[in-house]
Each structure stands twice: as C-alpha cells, then as structure tokens.
Amino acid sequence: MEISDGIYNLIIFVLAIYVGYHVVWNVTPALHTPLMAVTNAISAIVIVGAMLAAALTVTPFGKLMGTMAVALAAVNVFGGFLVTRRMLEMFKKKAPKAAAPTEKH
C-alpha cells in the first residue's frame, strides 16, 4: 500500500499547526515582542519568495496565487509591526499627570 505525497503533505501541515499552536500559546509575555520581531523577519522572507514564485510561473493561476501570497505576507508584516509597537508602548514609563490649577476667588 502506497501513500500519496498529498497525504504526507497534509500530515506535515496538520502537525505544523499543532506544534505551532502549542509553541506560541506557551510563550511567556516577556518574549512576545522578540517573537513578533522574528515573525516579521520570516514574513519578509516569505514576501521575497512569493514575488519570485509569482514572477516565474507561467499560468494565470500561479500568478494569482503568488500575488495573493505577496499581499497576505505584506499584511502580516504590517500587522506585526503594529502589534510590536503597541507592546513596546506598554513598557514605556508614563509621565506623571500635572496637577490641575486651583482657582482663587
């Protein structure tokens, strides 16, 4: 009995989802910002690969999928930078509030 390559790819995909979910879920809050920075770097590499895939394919479906990959990876990078910025703002010291001026009558 021979198992097709599609089944192997599906098994790897499901295992990657399972492992990725548990790895990300168990990250301590102190490591979220560095993790987001690494994720942004990986997504930037995905953008380059997707541009190459879109440029080198000859079928319209391949070009469509490559263009969609570029767009989705770009959204991922942009969103990752927004989340990272918001998380870094949480660690900034807040300025003390100025006391309201008192009125004299």
Protein backbone atom coordinates (compact mmCIF):
# COMPACT_ATOMS: atom_id res chain seq x y z
CA MET A 1 0.00 0.00 0.00
CA GLU A 2 1.45 3.30 -1.09
CA ILE A 3 0.56 6.63 0.47
CA SER A 4 0.37 9.60 -1.88
CA ASP A 5 2.50 12.70 -1.49
CA GLY A 6 -0.63 14.75 -0.83
CA ILE A 7 -1.35 12.72 2.32
CA TYR A 8 2.22 13.23 3.55
CA ASN A 9 1.92 16.97 2.93
CA LEU A 10 -1.41 17.08 4.77
CA ILE A 11 0.06 15.23 7.77
CA ILE A 12 3.03 17.62 7.89
CA PHE A 13 0.67 20.60 7.62
CA VAL A 14 -1.54 19.38 10.48
CA LEU A 15 1.48 18.61 12.68
CA ALA A 16 2.94 22.07 11.96
CA ILE A 17 -0.34 23.69 13.02
CA TYR A 18 -0.43 21.61 16.21
CA VAL A 19 3.19 22.30 17.18
CA GLY A 20 2.95 25.98 16.22
CA TYR A 21 -0.19 26.46 18.30
CA HIS A 22 1.39 24.93 21.40
CA VAL A 23 4.68 26.78 20.96
CA VAL A 24 3.01 30.19 20.59
CA TRP A 25 0.40 29.56 23.30
CA ASN A 26 3.07 28.74 25.91
CA VAL A 27 5.28 31.78 25.27
CA THR A 28 5.74 33.96 28.32
CA PRO A 29 4.59 37.59 27.94
CA ALA A 30 8.18 38.86 28.20
CA LEU A 31 9.09 37.03 24.98
CA HIS A 32 6.18 38.19 22.84
CA THR A 33 7.97 41.27 21.42
CA PRO A 34 11.12 39.38 20.31
CA LEU A 35 8.92 36.63 18.90
CA MET A 36 6.96 39.18 16.86
CA ALA A 37 10.22 40.66 15.52
CA VAL A 38 11.37 37.22 14.33
CA THR A 39 7.94 36.58 12.80
CA ASN A 40 8.20 39.85 10.86
CA ALA A 41 11.61 38.81 9.52
CA ILE A 42 10.27 35.43 8.41
CA SER A 43 7.30 37.10 6.71
CA ALA A 44 9.68 39.42 4.86
CA ILE A 45 11.48 36.35 3.52
CA VAL A 46 8.11 34.90 2.51
CA ILE A 47 7.39 38.09 0.54
CA VAL A 48 10.61 37.69 -1.44
CA GLY A 49 9.83 34.02 -2.16
CA ALA A 50 6.27 34.84 -3.16
CA MET A 51 7.46 37.56 -5.54
CA LEU A 52 9.84 35.07 -7.15
CA ALA A 53 7.08 32.47 -7.40
CA ALA A 54 4.67 34.98 -8.94
CA ALA A 55 7.27 36.19 -11.42
CA LEU A 56 8.50 32.78 -12.53
CA THR A 57 5.17 31.00 -13.06
CA VAL A 58 3.56 30.94 -16.46
CA THR A 59 -0.01 30.02 -15.60
CA PRO A 60 -2.53 32.68 -14.59
CA PHE A 61 -3.49 30.62 -11.52
CA GLY A 62 0.14 30.53 -10.39
CA LYS A 63 0.48 34.28 -10.84
CA LEU A 64 -2.75 34.83 -8.89
CA MET A 65 -1.59 32.62 -6.02
CA GLY A 66 1.83 34.31 -5.96
CA THR A 67 0.22 37.75 -5.89
CA MET A 68 -2.11 36.67 -3.09
CA ALA A 69 0.88 35.31 -1.15
CA VAL A 70 2.70 38.64 -1.51
CA ALA A 71 -0.38 40.57 -0.36
CA LEU A 72 -1.06 38.32 2.65
CA ALA A 73 2.58 38.31 3.76
CA ALA A 74 2.69 42.12 3.44
CA VAL A 75 -0.41 42.41 5.63
CA ASN A 76 1.25 40.06 8.12
CA VAL A 77 4.42 42.17 8.26
CA PHE A 78 2.47 45.42 8.63
CA GLY A 79 0.24 43.98 11.36
CA GLY A 80 3.25 42.50 13.14
CA PHE A 81 4.96 45.88 13.30
CA LEU A 82 1.76 47.47 14.66
CA VAL A 83 1.45 44.84 17.37
CA THR A 84 5.13 45.13 18.25
CA ARG A 85 4.84 48.92 18.54
CA ARG A 86 1.79 48.65 20.79
CA MET A 87 3.54 46.13 23.01
CA LEU A 88 6.63 48.31 23.31
CA GLU A 89 4.44 51.26 24.29
CA MET A 90 3.15 49.21 27.21
CA PHE A 91 6.67 49.19 28.70
CA LYS A 92 7.22 52.95 28.45
CA LYS A 93 7.06 54.92 31.65
CA LYS A 94 4.05 57.13 31.83
CA ALA A 95 4.58 60.82 32.54
CA PRO A 96 3.07 61.97 35.84
CA LYS A 97 -0.16 63.88 35.43
CA ALA A 98 0.12 67.60 36.07
CA ALA A 99 -1.94 68.89 38.97
CA ALA A 100 -4.97 70.92 37.95
CA PRO A 101 -4.51 74.66 38.70
CA THR A 102 -6.50 75.87 41.66
CA GLU A 103 -8.74 78.87 41.28
CA LYS A 104 -8.64 81.74 43.76
CA HIS A 105 -11.74 83.80 44.41
